[in-house]
Amino acid sequence: MIPLRVAFYVLFVVLGAIILVRMLAYGVRMETLTGIVLGGLLIALGVYRLTQVFRIGASRR
């Protein structure tokens, strides 16, 4: 179960980076602001969850 969660969280980071790069290719404008925020939030959520999983895994060892 844990490897599947880690895979999903890594996928969040990757998809967030893809969204962020695609939105920044159009430039920072009001129309692309929601995509930039979405990409940043996906990256932040993925990194946050990955750190939680690794902290729990380190404390069990």
PDB file of N, CA and C in Angstrom:
ATOM      1  N   MET A   1       0.810  -1.199   0.000  1.00  0.00           N
ATOM      2  CA  MET A   1       0.000   0.000   0.000  1.00  0.00           C
ATOM      3  C   MET A   1       0.855   1.264   0.000  1.00  0.00           C
ATOM      4  N   ILE A   2       1.925   1.232   0.765  1.00  0.00           N
ATOM      5  CA  ILE A   2       2.791   2.410   0.844  1.00  0.00           C
ATOM      6  C   ILE A   2       3.461   2.709  -0.501  1.00  0.00           C
ATOM      7  N   PRO A   3       3.980   1.704  -1.237  1.00  0.00           N
ATOM      8  CA  PRO A   3       4.576   2.027  -2.541  1.00  0.00           C
ATOM      9  C   PRO A   3       3.577   2.652  -3.519  1.00  0.00           C
ATOM     10  N   LEU A   4       2.320   2.239  -3.433  1.00  0.00           N
ATOM     11  CA  LEU A   4       1.300   2.823  -4.300  1.00  0.00           C
ATOM     12  C   LEU A   4       1.054   4.283  -3.937  1.00  0.00           C
ATOM     13  N   ARG A   5       1.017   4.586  -2.653  1.00  0.00           N
ATOM     14  CA  ARG A   5       0.863   5.977  -2.215  1.00  0.00           C
ATOM     15  C   ARG A   5       2.035   6.828  -2.670  1.00  0.00           C
ATOM     16  N   VAL A   6       3.230   6.301  -2.520  1.00  0.00           N
ATOM     17  CA  VAL A   6       4.422   7.045  -2.942  1.00  0.00           C
ATOM     18  C   VAL A   6       4.366   7.312  -4.441  1.00  0.00           C
ATOM     19  N   ALA A   7       3.915   6.337  -5.205  1.00  0.00           N
ATOM     20  CA  ALA A   7       3.806   6.522  -6.653  1.00  0.00           C
ATOM     21  C   ALA A   7       2.802   7.625  -6.984  1.00  0.00           C
ATOM     22  N   PHE A   8       1.671   7.663  -6.282  1.00  0.00           N
ATOM     23  CA  PHE A   8       0.685   8.714  -6.523  1.00  0.00           C
ATOM     24  C   PHE A   8       1.236  10.099  -6.168  1.00  0.00           C
ATOM     25  N   TYR A   9       1.971  10.190  -5.070  1.00  0.00           N
ATOM     26  CA  TYR A   9       2.507  11.481  -4.654  1.00  0.00           C
ATOM     27  C   TYR A   9       3.598  11.963  -5.612  1.00  0.00           C
ATOM     28  N   VAL A  10       4.399  11.040  -6.122  1.00  0.00           N
ATOM     29  CA  VAL A  10       5.391  11.407  -7.136  1.00  0.00           C
ATOM     30  C   VAL A  10       4.674  11.853  -8.411  1.00  0.00           C
ATOM     31  N   LEU A  11       3.574  11.191  -8.732  1.00  0.00           N
ATOM     32  CA  LEU A  11       2.779  11.585  -9.888  1.00  0.00           C
ATOM     33  C   LEU A  11       2.207  12.989  -9.715  1.00  0.00           C
ATOM     34  N   PHE A  12       1.787  13.340  -8.500  1.00  0.00           N
ATOM     35  CA  PHE A  12       1.312  14.704  -8.233  1.00  0.00           C
ATOM     36  C   PHE A  12       2.405  15.716  -8.548  1.00  0.00           C
ATOM     37  N   VAL A  13       3.622  15.443  -8.094  1.00  0.00           N
ATOM     38  CA  VAL A  13       4.732  16.376  -8.322  1.00  0.00           C
ATOM     39  C   VAL A  13       5.026  16.501  -9.815  1.00  0.00           C
ATOM     40  N   VAL A  14       5.048  15.385 -10.518  1.00  0.00           N
ATOM     41  CA  VAL A  14       5.345  15.395 -11.956  1.00  0.00           C
ATOM     42  C   VAL A  14       4.258  16.140 -12.730  1.00  0.00           C
ATOM     43  N   LEU A  15       3.003  15.831 -12.440  1.00  0.00           N
ATOM     44  CA  LEU A  15       1.915  16.513 -13.140  1.00  0.00           C
ATOM     45  C   LEU A  15       1.878  18.002 -12.814  1.00  0.00           C
ATOM     46  N   GLY A  16       2.158  18.360 -11.573  1.00  0.00           N
ATOM     47  CA  GLY A  16       2.223  19.767 -11.207  1.00  0.00           C
ATOM     48  C   GLY A  16       3.322  20.501 -11.958  1.00  0.00           C
ATOM     49  N   ALA A  17       4.461  19.843 -12.111  1.00  0.00           N
ATOM     50  CA  ALA A  17       5.563  20.458 -12.859  1.00  0.00           C
ATOM     51  C   ALA A  17       5.209  20.618 -14.333  1.00  0.00           C
ATOM     52  N   ILE A  18       4.535  19.622 -14.889  1.00  0.00           N
ATOM     53  CA  ILE A  18       4.130  19.718 -16.298  1.00  0.00           C
ATOM     54  C   ILE A  18       3.139  20.861 -16.494  1.00  0.00           C
ATOM     55  N   ILE A  19       2.150  20.954 -15.613  1.00  0.00           N
ATOM     56  CA  ILE A  19       1.170  22.043 -15.718  1.00  0.00           C
ATOM     57  C   ILE A  19       1.853  23.388 -15.572  1.00  0.00           C
ATOM     58  N   LEU A  20       2.757  23.501 -14.614  1.00  0.00           N
ATOM     59  CA  LEU A  20       3.454  24.763 -14.377  1.00  0.00           C
ATOM     60  C   LEU A  20       4.287  25.178 -15.583  1.00  0.00           C
ATOM     61  N   VAL A  21       5.012  24.247 -16.158  1.00  0.00           N
ATOM     62  CA  VAL A  21       5.853  24.557 -17.321  1.00  0.00           C
ATOM     63  C   VAL A  21       4.999  24.953 -18.518  1.00  0.00           C
ATOM     64  N   ARG A  22       3.898  24.242 -18.737  1.00  0.00           N
ATOM     65  CA  ARG A  22       3.029  24.571 -19.873  1.00  0.00           C
ATOM     66  C   ARG A  22       2.380  25.937 -19.713  1.00  0.00           C
ATOM     67  N   MET A  23       2.005  26.284 -18.497  1.00  0.00           N
ATOM     68  CA  MET A  23       1.387  27.600 -18.266  1.00  0.00           C
ATOM     69  C   MET A  23       2.416  28.717 -18.377  1.00  0.00           C
ATOM     70  N   LEU A  24       3.614  28.474 -17.886  1.00  0.00           N
ATOM     71  CA  LEU A  24       4.648  29.508 -17.967  1.00  0.00           C
ATOM     72  C   LEU A  24       5.132  29.719 -19.396  1.00  0.00           C
ATOM     73  N   ALA A  25       4.911  28.729 -20.270  1.00  0.00           N
ATOM     74  CA  ALA A  25       5.267  28.897 -21.677  1.00  0.00           C
ATOM     75  C   ALA A  25       4.408  29.971 -22.327  1.00  0.00           C
ATOM     76  N   TYR A  26       3.181  30.148 -21.816  1.00  0.00           N
ATOM     77  CA  TYR A  26       2.305  31.194 -22.335  1.00  0.00           C
ATOM     78  C   TYR A  26       2.578  32.554 -21.705  1.00  0.00           C
ATOM     79  N   GLY A  27       3.390  32.571 -20.681  1.00  0.00           N
ATOM     80  CA  GLY A  27       3.711  33.824 -20.006  1.00  0.00           C
ATOM     81  C   GLY A  27       2.843  34.000 -18.768  1.00  0.00           C
ATOM     82  N   VAL A  28       3.292  34.892 -17.908  1.00  0.00           N
ATOM     83  CA  VAL A  28       2.554  35.154 -16.678  1.00  0.00           C
ATOM     84  C   VAL A  28       1.526  36.246 -16.982  1.00  0.00           C
ATOM     85  N   ARG A  29       0.284  35.804 -17.175  1.00  0.00           N
ATOM     86  CA  ARG A  29      -0.823  36.716 -17.435  1.00  0.00           C
ATOM     87  C   ARG A  29      -1.981  36.332 -16.547  1.00  0.00           C
ATOM     88  N   MET A  30      -2.990  37.133 -16.546  1.00  0.00           N
ATOM     89  CA  MET A  30      -4.150  36.853 -15.702  1.00  0.00           C
ATOM     90  C   MET A  30      -4.838  35.543 -16.120  1.00  0.00           C
ATOM     91  N   GLU A  31      -4.826  35.230 -17.412  1.00  0.00           N
ATOM     92  CA  GLU A  31      -5.488  34.017 -17.895  1.00  0.00           C
ATOM     93  C   GLU A  31      -4.770  32.748 -17.452  1.00  0.00           C
ATOM     94  N   THR A  32      -3.480  32.821 -17.276  1.00  0.00           N
ATOM     95  CA  THR A  32      -2.711  31.627 -16.907  1.00  0.00           C
ATOM     96  C   THR A  32      -2.504  31.512 -15.399  1.00  0.00           C
ATOM     97  N   LEU A  33      -3.007  32.443 -14.645  1.00  0.00           N
ATOM     98  CA  LEU A  33      -2.786  32.456 -13.204  1.00  0.00           C
ATOM     99  C   LEU A  33      -3.368  31.212 -12.529  1.00  0.00           C
ATOM    100  N   THR A  34      -4.546  30.777 -12.951  1.00  0.00           N
ATOM    101  CA  THR A  34      -5.142  29.598 -12.317  1.00  0.00           C
ATOM    102  C   THR A  34      -4.321  28.339 -12.590  1.00  0.00           C
ATOM    103  N   GLY A  35      -3.764  28.209 -13.783  1.00  0.00           N
ATOM    104  CA  GLY A  35      -2.919  27.061 -14.088  1.00  0.00           C
ATOM    105  C   GLY A  35      -1.623  27.082 -13.300  1.00  0.00           C
ATOM    106  N   ILE A  36      -1.061  28.273 -13.125  1.00  0.00           N
ATOM    107  CA  ILE A  36       0.173  28.398 -12.347  1.00  0.00           C
ATOM    108  C   ILE A  36      -0.086  28.030 -10.895  1.00  0.00           C
ATOM    109  N   VAL A  37      -1.206  28.489 -10.352  1.00  0.00           N
ATOM    110  CA  VAL A  37      -1.556  28.161  -8.969  1.00  0.00           C
ATOM    111  C   VAL A  37      -1.825  26.665  -8.826  1.00  0.00           C
ATOM    112  N   LEU A  38      -2.550  26.080  -9.776  1.00  0.00           N
ATOM    113  CA  LEU A  38      -2.838  24.646  -9.729  1.00  0.00           C
ATOM    114  C   LEU A  38      -1.556  23.820  -9.773  1.00  0.00           C
ATOM    115  N   GLY A  39      -0.647  24.174 -10.672  1.00  0.00           N
ATOM    116  CA  GLY A  39       0.619  23.455 -10.758  1.00  0.00           C
ATOM    117  C   GLY A  39       1.429  23.573  -9.481  1.00  0.00           C
ATOM    118  N   GLY A  40       1.491  24.768  -8.936  1.00  0.00           N
ATOM    119  CA  GLY A  40       2.230  24.974  -7.691  1.00  0.00           C
ATOM    120  C   GLY A  40       1.622  24.212  -6.521  1.00  0.00           C
ATOM    121  N   LEU A  41       0.288  24.187  -6.461  1.00  0.00           N
ATOM    122  CA  LEU A  41      -0.374  23.456  -5.378  1.00  0.00           C
ATOM    123  C   LEU A  41      -0.189  21.951  -5.504  1.00  0.00           C
ATOM    124  N   LEU A  42      -0.222  21.433  -6.719  1.00  0.00           N
ATOM    125  CA  LEU A  42       0.011  19.993  -6.902  1.00  0.00           C
ATOM    126  C   LEU A  42       1.430  19.610  -6.482  1.00  0.00           C
ATOM    127  N   ILE A  43       2.400  20.445  -6.839  1.00  0.00           N
ATOM    128  CA  ILE A  43       3.787  20.178  -6.431  1.00  0.00           C
ATOM    129  C   ILE A  43       3.908  20.229  -4.913  1.00  0.00           C
ATOM    130  N   ALA A  44       3.329  21.259  -4.305  1.00  0.00           N
ATOM    131  CA  ALA A  44       3.415  21.402  -2.848  1.00  0.00           C
ATOM    132  C   ALA A  44       2.739  20.240  -2.130  1.00  0.00           C
ATOM    133  N   LEU A  45       1.571  19.807  -2.611  1.00  0.00           N
ATOM    134  CA  LEU A  45       0.870  18.693  -1.981  1.00  0.00           C
ATOM    135  C   LEU A  45       1.670  17.399  -2.117  1.00  0.00           C
ATOM    136  N   GLY A  46       2.216  17.155  -3.291  1.00  0.00           N
ATOM    137  CA  GLY A  46       3.006  15.948  -3.487  1.00  0.00           C
ATOM    138  C   GLY A  46       4.242  15.908  -2.613  1.00  0.00           C
ATOM    139  N   VAL A  47       4.947  17.021  -2.530  1.00  0.00           N
ATOM    140  CA  VAL A  47       6.159  17.083  -1.696  1.00  0.00           C
ATOM    141  C   VAL A  47       5.799  16.931  -0.221  1.00  0.00           C
ATOM    142  N   TYR A  48       4.718  17.568   0.203  1.00  0.00           N
ATOM    143  CA  TYR A  48       4.283  17.468   1.598  1.00  0.00           C
ATOM    144  C   TYR A  48       3.939  16.032   1.970  1.00  0.00           C
ATOM    145  N   ARG A  49       3.178  15.367   1.114  1.00  0.00           N
ATOM    146  CA  ARG A  49       2.792  13.993   1.399  1.00  0.00           C
ATOM    147  C   ARG A  49       3.990  13.044   1.344  1.00  0.00           C
ATOM    148  N   LEU A  50       4.915  13.286   0.413  1.00  0.00           N
ATOM    149  CA  LEU A  50       6.116  12.443   0.351  1.00  0.00           C
ATOM    150  C   LEU A  50       6.946  12.581   1.617  1.00  0.00           C
ATOM    151  N   THR A  51       7.094  13.793   2.129  1.00  0.00           N
ATOM    152  CA  THR A  51       7.862  13.965   3.368  1.00  0.00           C
ATOM    153  C   THR A  51       7.170  13.274   4.533  1.00  0.00           C
ATOM    154  N   GLN A  52       5.827  13.294   4.562  1.00  0.00           N
ATOM    155  CA  GLN A  52       5.118  12.579   5.620  1.00  0.00           C
ATOM    156  C   GLN A  52       5.347  11.071   5.535  1.00  0.00           C
ATOM    157  N   VAL A  53       5.275  10.526   4.343  1.00  0.00           N
ATOM    158  CA  VAL A  53       5.473   9.085   4.173  1.00  0.00           C
ATOM    159  C   VAL A  53       6.882   8.699   4.601  1.00  0.00           C
ATOM    160  N   PHE A  54       7.882   9.490   4.219  1.00  0.00           N
ATOM    161  CA  PHE A  54       9.258   9.138   4.568  1.00  0.00           C
ATOM    162  C   PHE A  54       9.535   9.341   6.054  1.00  0.00           C
ATOM    163  N   ARG A  55       8.885  10.301   6.694  1.00  0.00           N
ATOM    164  CA  ARG A  55       9.043  10.468   8.143  1.00  0.00           C
ATOM    165  C   ARG A  55       8.452   9.282   8.887  1.00  0.00           C
ATOM    166  N   ILE A  56       7.271   8.851   8.466  1.00  0.00           N
ATOM    167  CA  ILE A  56       6.631   7.702   9.119  1.00  0.00           C
ATOM    168  C   ILE A  56       7.474   6.440   8.895  1.00  0.00           C
ATOM    169  N   GLY A  57       7.986   6.282   7.683  1.00  0.00           N
ATOM    170  CA  GLY A  57       8.828   5.121   7.383  1.00  0.00           C
ATOM    171  C   GLY A  57      10.122   5.132   8.168  1.00  0.00           C
ATOM    172  N   ALA A  58      10.707   6.308   8.387  1.00  0.00           N
ATOM    173  CA  ALA A  58      11.961   6.388   9.138  1.00  0.00           C
ATOM    174  C   ALA A  58      11.730   6.124  10.617  1.00  0.00           C
ATOM    175  N   SER A  59      10.574   6.533  11.138  1.00  0.00           N
ATOM    176  CA  SER A  59      10.327   6.330  12.569  1.00  0.00           C
ATOM    177  C   SER A  59       9.999   4.868  12.884  1.00  0.00           C
ATOM    178  N   ARG A  60       9.540   4.113  11.908  1.00  0.00           N
ATOM    179  CA  ARG A  60       9.224   2.691  12.127  1.00  0.00           C
ATOM    180  C   ARG A  60      10.455   1.809  12.092  1.00  0.00           C
ATOM    181  N   ARG A  61      11.521   2.309  11.561  1.00  0.00           N
ATOM    182  CA  ARG A  61      12.744   1.469  11.438  1.00  0.00           C
ATOM    183  C   ARG A  61      13.531   1.459  12.703  1.00  0.00           C
TER     184      ARG A  61
END
